[in-house]
Amino acid sequence: MAKALFLDRDGTLIHDRDYLADPAGVELIPGVPGALRRARDLGYLLFLFTNQSGIGRGYHTIEDTRRCNARMLELIGLGPDLFAGVCIAPEAPDQPSLYRKPSPRFVLESIARHGLDPALCWMVGDRESDLDAGLSAGIRAAAVCTGKYDAAAWQPRLRPGVPLFPDFAAFVASLP
């Protein structure tokens, strides 16, 4: 069975800019391109799983988010088909939601669609909702300190058994 990484976008792969709508504001977190290349070389399928409540709040459109994703892929430089699947959850926190993290729905659907082994899958992100989406789907989760929380702020928020890494590159370096 296949293995996969489910990756949050803002605060994990790119710097978190609240309600990012302009592709000019996309800035990769250092080490991300090399880490994605290594993860792919290790045989991981890569999935992008991003909450974008600015769409539901009316601050920007889903097309703005798609343009930002395209800019991110351009900066990463590993091709437009880097991700086996992309989930943009457009709902605001107070709106009915199917995919907004902490919902595990995208992860569960991807596991079924791609024949993934949950024991070989990770959700990596910078917020509790990222961790909870992965854990609720029965996969492992890892936290990174490149978003809203540094290591000290993460400590009371971490879930049992969830490792904390300085950044995504450090997480990928830990993979067998």
C-alpha atoms as a PDB file:
ATOM      1  CA  MET A   1       0.000   0.000   0.000  1.00  0.00           C
ATOM      2  CA  ALA A   2       1.067   3.572  -0.667  1.00  0.00           C
ATOM      3  CA  LYS A   3       2.248   6.161   1.842  1.00  0.00           C
ATOM      4  CA  ALA A   4       1.406   9.855   1.865  1.00  0.00           C
ATOM      5  CA  LEU A   5       1.931  13.227   3.458  1.00  0.00           C
ATOM      6  CA  PHE A   6      -1.044  15.536   3.903  1.00  0.00           C
ATOM      7  CA  LEU A   7       0.312  19.060   4.134  1.00  0.00           C
ATOM      8  CA  ASP A   8      -1.155  22.269   5.406  1.00  0.00           C
ATOM      9  CA  ARG A   9      -0.194  25.272   3.277  1.00  0.00           C
ATOM     10  CA  ASP A  10      -0.038  28.491   5.332  1.00  0.00           C
ATOM     11  CA  GLY A  11       2.494  28.272   8.137  1.00  0.00           C
ATOM     12  CA  THR A  12       3.770  24.889   6.932  1.00  0.00           C
ATOM     13  CA  LEU A  13       4.896  25.302   3.313  1.00  0.00           C
ATOM     14  CA  ILE A  14       4.574  29.077   2.897  1.00  0.00           C
ATOM     15  CA  HIS A  15       4.684  31.951   5.362  1.00  0.00           C
ATOM     16  CA  ASP A  16       1.267  32.582   6.868  1.00  0.00           C
ATOM     17  CA  ARG A  17      -0.187  35.831   5.545  1.00  0.00           C
ATOM     18  CA  ASP A  18      -3.680  36.275   6.914  1.00  0.00           C
ATOM     19  CA  TYR A  19      -6.228  35.855   4.115  1.00  0.00           C
ATOM     20  CA  LEU A  20      -3.597  35.610   1.370  1.00  0.00           C
ATOM     21  CA  ALA A  21      -5.210  36.529  -1.947  1.00  0.00           C
ATOM     22  CA  ASP A  22      -2.312  37.961  -3.968  1.00  0.00           C
ATOM     23  CA  PRO A  23       0.195  35.509  -5.480  1.00  0.00           C
ATOM     24  CA  ALA A  24       2.891  38.182  -4.992  1.00  0.00           C
ATOM     25  CA  GLY A  25       2.592  37.540  -1.246  1.00  0.00           C
ATOM     26  CA  VAL A  26       3.516  33.847  -1.514  1.00  0.00           C
ATOM     27  CA  GLU A  27       6.860  33.207   0.191  1.00  0.00           C
ATOM     28  CA  LEU A  28       8.188  29.705   0.729  1.00  0.00           C
ATOM     29  CA  ILE A  29       9.435  28.701   4.145  1.00  0.00           C
ATOM     30  CA  PRO A  30      13.159  27.912   3.776  1.00  0.00           C
ATOM     31  CA  GLY A  31      13.908  24.281   3.001  1.00  0.00           C
ATOM     32  CA  VAL A  32      10.481  23.420   1.612  1.00  0.00           C
ATOM     33  CA  PRO A  33      11.466  22.607  -2.004  1.00  0.00           C
ATOM     34  CA  GLY A  34      14.253  20.241  -0.963  1.00  0.00           C
ATOM     35  CA  ALA A  35      12.062  18.601   1.669  1.00  0.00           C
ATOM     36  CA  LEU A  36       9.260  18.022  -0.838  1.00  0.00           C
ATOM     37  CA  ARG A  37      11.741  16.562  -3.313  1.00  0.00           C
ATOM     38  CA  ARG A  38      13.117  14.226  -0.630  1.00  0.00           C
ATOM     39  CA  ALA A  39       9.620  13.155   0.480  1.00  0.00           C
ATOM     40  CA  ARG A  40       8.683  12.383  -3.111  1.00  0.00           C
ATOM     41  CA  ASP A  41      11.958  10.494  -3.609  1.00  0.00           C
ATOM     42  CA  LEU A  42      11.121   8.441  -0.499  1.00  0.00           C
ATOM     43  CA  GLY A  43       7.912   7.358  -2.229  1.00  0.00           C
ATOM     44  CA  TYR A  44       5.392   9.573  -0.457  1.00  0.00           C
ATOM     45  CA  LEU A  45       2.366  10.839  -2.348  1.00  0.00           C
ATOM     46  CA  LEU A  46       1.850  14.493  -1.472  1.00  0.00           C
ATOM     47  CA  PHE A  47      -1.501  16.114  -0.762  1.00  0.00           C
ATOM     48  CA  LEU A  48      -2.251  19.773  -0.064  1.00  0.00           C
ATOM     49  CA  PHE A  49      -4.985  20.347   2.539  1.00  0.00           C
ATOM     50  CA  THR A  50      -5.705  23.997   3.288  1.00  0.00           C
ATOM     51  CA  ASN A  51      -8.408  25.879   5.151  1.00  0.00           C
ATOM     52  CA  GLN A  52      -9.124  29.160   3.395  1.00  0.00           C
ATOM     53  CA  SER A  53     -11.806  30.868   5.457  1.00  0.00           C
ATOM     54  CA  GLY A  54     -11.160  34.158   3.655  1.00  0.00           C
ATOM     55  CA  ILE A  55     -13.255  32.728   0.806  1.00  0.00           C
ATOM     56  CA  GLY A  56     -16.225  32.043   3.073  1.00  0.00           C
ATOM     57  CA  ARG A  57     -15.796  35.432   4.737  1.00  0.00           C
ATOM     58  CA  GLY A  58     -15.902  37.134   1.325  1.00  0.00           C
ATOM     59  CA  TYR A  59     -12.338  38.528   1.555  1.00  0.00           C
ATOM     60  CA  HIS A  60     -11.161  36.773  -1.605  1.00  0.00           C
ATOM     61  CA  THR A  61     -12.231  34.134  -4.107  1.00  0.00           C
ATOM     62  CA  ILE A  62     -11.353  30.490  -4.618  1.00  0.00           C
ATOM     63  CA  GLU A  63      -9.669  31.583  -7.842  1.00  0.00           C
ATOM     64  CA  ASP A  64      -7.394  33.882  -5.793  1.00  0.00           C
ATOM     65  CA  THR A  65      -6.442  30.850  -3.698  1.00  0.00           C
ATOM     66  CA  ARG A  66      -5.791  28.785  -6.821  1.00  0.00           C
ATOM     67  CA  ARG A  67      -3.506  31.528  -8.171  1.00  0.00           C
ATOM     68  CA  CYS A  68      -1.614  31.564  -4.861  1.00  0.00           C
ATOM     69  CA  ASN A  69      -1.279  27.777  -5.019  1.00  0.00           C
ATOM     70  CA  ALA A  70       0.011  28.042  -8.594  1.00  0.00           C
ATOM     71  CA  ARG A  71       2.580  30.624  -7.498  1.00  0.00           C
ATOM     72  CA  MET A  72       3.634  28.347  -4.628  1.00  0.00           C
ATOM     73  CA  LEU A  73       4.136  25.464  -7.075  1.00  0.00           C
ATOM     74  CA  GLU A  74       6.128  27.731  -9.381  1.00  0.00           C
ATOM     75  CA  LEU A  75       8.425  28.739  -6.504  1.00  0.00           C
ATOM     76  CA  ILE A  76       8.822  25.119  -5.361  1.00  0.00           C
ATOM     77  CA  GLY A  77       9.933  24.185  -8.868  1.00  0.00           C
ATOM     78  CA  LEU A  78       8.929  20.513  -8.828  1.00  0.00           C
ATOM     79  CA  GLY A  79       6.210  20.730 -11.469  1.00  0.00           C
ATOM     80  CA  PRO A  80       2.511  21.553 -11.483  1.00  0.00           C
ATOM     81  CA  ASP A  81       1.520  17.951 -10.651  1.00  0.00           C
ATOM     82  CA  LEU A  82       3.468  17.811  -7.376  1.00  0.00           C
ATOM     83  CA  PHE A  83       0.319  17.125  -5.347  1.00  0.00           C
ATOM     84  CA  ALA A  84      -1.731  13.982  -5.920  1.00  0.00           C
ATOM     85  CA  GLY A  85      -4.717  15.872  -4.537  1.00  0.00           C
ATOM     86  CA  VAL A  86      -5.603  19.353  -3.328  1.00  0.00           C
ATOM     87  CA  CYS A  87      -8.362  20.265  -0.905  1.00  0.00           C
ATOM     88  CA  ILE A  88      -9.236  23.929  -0.480  1.00  0.00           C
ATOM     89  CA  ALA A  89     -11.781  24.209   2.338  1.00  0.00           C
ATOM     90  CA  PRO A  90     -13.480  27.575   1.695  1.00  0.00           C
ATOM     91  CA  GLU A  91     -15.790  27.686   4.688  1.00  0.00           C
ATOM     92  CA  ALA A  92     -15.551  30.250   7.469  1.00  0.00           C
ATOM     93  CA  PRO A  93     -15.484  28.723  10.965  1.00  0.00           C
ATOM     94  CA  ASP A  94     -19.166  29.512  11.576  1.00  0.00           C
ATOM     95  CA  GLN A  95     -20.400  28.036   8.281  1.00  0.00           C
ATOM     96  CA  PRO A  96     -21.543  24.446   7.693  1.00  0.00           C
ATOM     97  CA  SER A  97     -18.521  22.500   6.534  1.00  0.00           C
ATOM     98  CA  LEU A  98     -17.626  19.224   4.873  1.00  0.00           C
ATOM     99  CA  TYR A  99     -13.876  19.620   4.484  1.00  0.00           C
ATOM    100  CA  ARG A 100     -12.724  22.387   6.827  1.00  0.00           C
ATOM    101  CA  LYS A 101     -10.101  21.004   9.197  1.00  0.00           C
ATOM    102  CA  PRO A 102     -10.404  19.456  11.746  1.00  0.00           C
ATOM    103  CA  SER A 103     -12.709  17.412   9.488  1.00  0.00           C
ATOM    104  CA  PRO A 104     -10.889  14.254   8.380  1.00  0.00           C
ATOM    105  CA  ARG A 105     -13.057  13.862   5.274  1.00  0.00           C
ATOM    106  CA  PHE A 106     -10.406  14.804   2.670  1.00  0.00           C
ATOM    107  CA  VAL A 107      -7.844  12.493   4.283  1.00  0.00           C
ATOM    108  CA  LEU A 108     -10.307   9.598   4.466  1.00  0.00           C
ATOM    109  CA  GLU A 109     -11.436  10.078   0.853  1.00  0.00           C
ATOM    110  CA  SER A 110      -7.812  10.245  -0.323  1.00  0.00           C
ATOM    111  CA  ILE A 111      -6.893   7.087   1.586  1.00  0.00           C
ATOM    112  CA  ALA A 112      -9.736   5.234  -0.143  1.00  0.00           C
ATOM    113  CA  ARG A 113      -9.146   6.753  -3.603  1.00  0.00           C
ATOM    114  CA  HIS A 114      -5.383   6.144  -3.655  1.00  0.00           C
ATOM    115  CA  GLY A 115      -5.161   2.887  -1.698  1.00  0.00           C
ATOM    116  CA  LEU A 116      -3.086   4.484   1.053  1.00  0.00           C
ATOM    117  CA  ASP A 117      -1.954   2.660   4.176  1.00  0.00           C
ATOM    118  CA  PRO A 118      -3.038   4.881   7.102  1.00  0.00           C
ATOM    119  CA  ALA A 119      -0.119   3.584   9.170  1.00  0.00           C
ATOM    120  CA  LEU A 120       2.218   5.111   6.555  1.00  0.00           C
ATOM    121  CA  CYS A 121       0.510   8.494   6.308  1.00  0.00           C
ATOM    122  CA  TRP A 122       1.092  11.791   8.103  1.00  0.00           C
ATOM    123  CA  MET A 123      -0.748  15.092   8.432  1.00  0.00           C
ATOM    124  CA  VAL A 124       1.744  17.932   8.923  1.00  0.00           C
ATOM    125  CA  GLY A 125       0.670  21.379  10.011  1.00  0.00           C
ATOM    126  CA  ASP A 126       1.056  24.399  12.219  1.00  0.00           C
ATOM    127  CA  ARG A 127      -2.296  24.379  14.056  1.00  0.00           C
ATOM    128  CA  GLU A 128      -4.308  22.088  16.269  1.00  0.00           C
ATOM    129  CA  SER A 129      -6.944  21.652  13.559  1.00  0.00           C
ATOM    130  CA  ASP A 130      -4.283  20.144  11.276  1.00  0.00           C
ATOM    131  CA  LEU A 131      -3.288  17.615  13.915  1.00  0.00           C
ATOM    132  CA  ASP A 132      -6.890  16.777  14.748  1.00  0.00           C
ATOM    133  CA  ALA A 133      -7.802  16.196  11.079  1.00  0.00           C
ATOM    134  CA  GLY A 134      -5.004  13.661  10.729  1.00  0.00           C
ATOM    135  CA  LEU A 135      -5.572  11.932  14.050  1.00  0.00           C
ATOM    136  CA  SER A 136      -9.346  11.710  13.428  1.00  0.00           C
ATOM    137  CA  ALA A 137      -8.607  10.027  10.087  1.00  0.00           C
ATOM    138  CA  GLY A 138      -6.451   7.425  11.814  1.00  0.00           C
ATOM    139  CA  ILE A 139      -3.116   8.665  10.514  1.00  0.00           C
ATOM    140  CA  ARG A 140      -0.132  10.133  12.338  1.00  0.00           C
ATOM    141  CA  ALA A 141       0.292  13.868  12.793  1.00  0.00           C
ATOM    142  CA  ALA A 142       3.289  16.168  13.199  1.00  0.00           C
ATOM    143  CA  ALA A 143       3.451  19.816  14.207  1.00  0.00           C
ATOM    144  CA  VAL A 144       5.812  22.480  12.878  1.00  0.00           C
ATOM    145  CA  CYS A 145       6.911  25.766  14.460  1.00  0.00           C
ATOM    146  CA  THR A 146       6.800  27.900  11.292  1.00  0.00           C
ATOM    147  CA  GLY A 147       3.253  29.186  11.699  1.00  0.00           C
ATOM    148  CA  LYS A 148       1.405  30.823  14.564  1.00  0.00           C
ATOM    149  CA  TYR A 149       3.139  28.870  17.347  1.00  0.00           C
ATOM    150  CA  ASP A 150       6.754  28.556  18.394  1.00  0.00           C
ATOM    151  CA  ALA A 151       7.898  25.533  20.433  1.00  0.00           C
ATOM    152  CA  ALA A 152       6.868  27.068  23.767  1.00  0.00           C
ATOM    153  CA  ALA A 153       3.400  28.009  22.517  1.00  0.00           C
ATOM    154  CA  TRP A 154       2.946  24.521  21.040  1.00  0.00           C
ATOM    155  CA  GLN A 155       3.609  22.675  24.292  1.00  0.00           C
ATOM    156  CA  PRO A 156       0.125  23.030  25.848  1.00  0.00           C
ATOM    157  CA  ARG A 157      -1.506  22.465  22.434  1.00  0.00           C
ATOM    158  CA  LEU A 158       0.259  19.284  21.308  1.00  0.00           C
ATOM    159  CA  ARG A 159      -1.709  16.079  21.225  1.00  0.00           C
ATOM    160  CA  PRO A 160      -0.276  12.957  22.910  1.00  0.00           C
ATOM    161  CA  GLY A 161       2.283  11.214  20.713  1.00  0.00           C
ATOM    162  CA  VAL A 162       2.488  14.062  18.186  1.00  0.00           C
ATOM    163  CA  PRO A 163       6.089  15.099  17.486  1.00  0.00           C
ATOM    164  CA  LEU A 164       7.078  18.740  17.126  1.00  0.00           C
ATOM    165  CA  PHE A 165       9.607  19.919  14.537  1.00  0.00           C
ATOM    166  CA  PRO A 166      11.206  23.305  13.908  1.00  0.00           C
ATOM    167  CA  ASP A 167       9.989  23.185  10.290  1.00  0.00           C
ATOM    168  CA  PHE A 168       8.813  20.906   7.496  1.00  0.00           C
ATOM    169  CA  ALA A 169      12.373  20.170   6.363  1.00  0.00           C
ATOM    170  CA  ALA A 170      13.235  18.835   9.827  1.00  0.00           C
ATOM    171  CA  PHE A 171      10.129  16.644   9.747  1.00  0.00           C
ATOM    172  CA  VAL A 172      11.065  15.158   6.362  1.00  0.00           C
ATOM    173  CA  ALA A 173      14.650  14.621   7.540  1.00  0.00           C
ATOM    174  CA  SER A 174      13.224  12.389  10.297  1.00  0.00           C
ATOM    175  CA  LEU A 175      11.436  10.091   7.848  1.00  0.00           C
ATOM    176  CA  PRO A 176      12.985   6.661   7.261  1.00  0.00           C
END
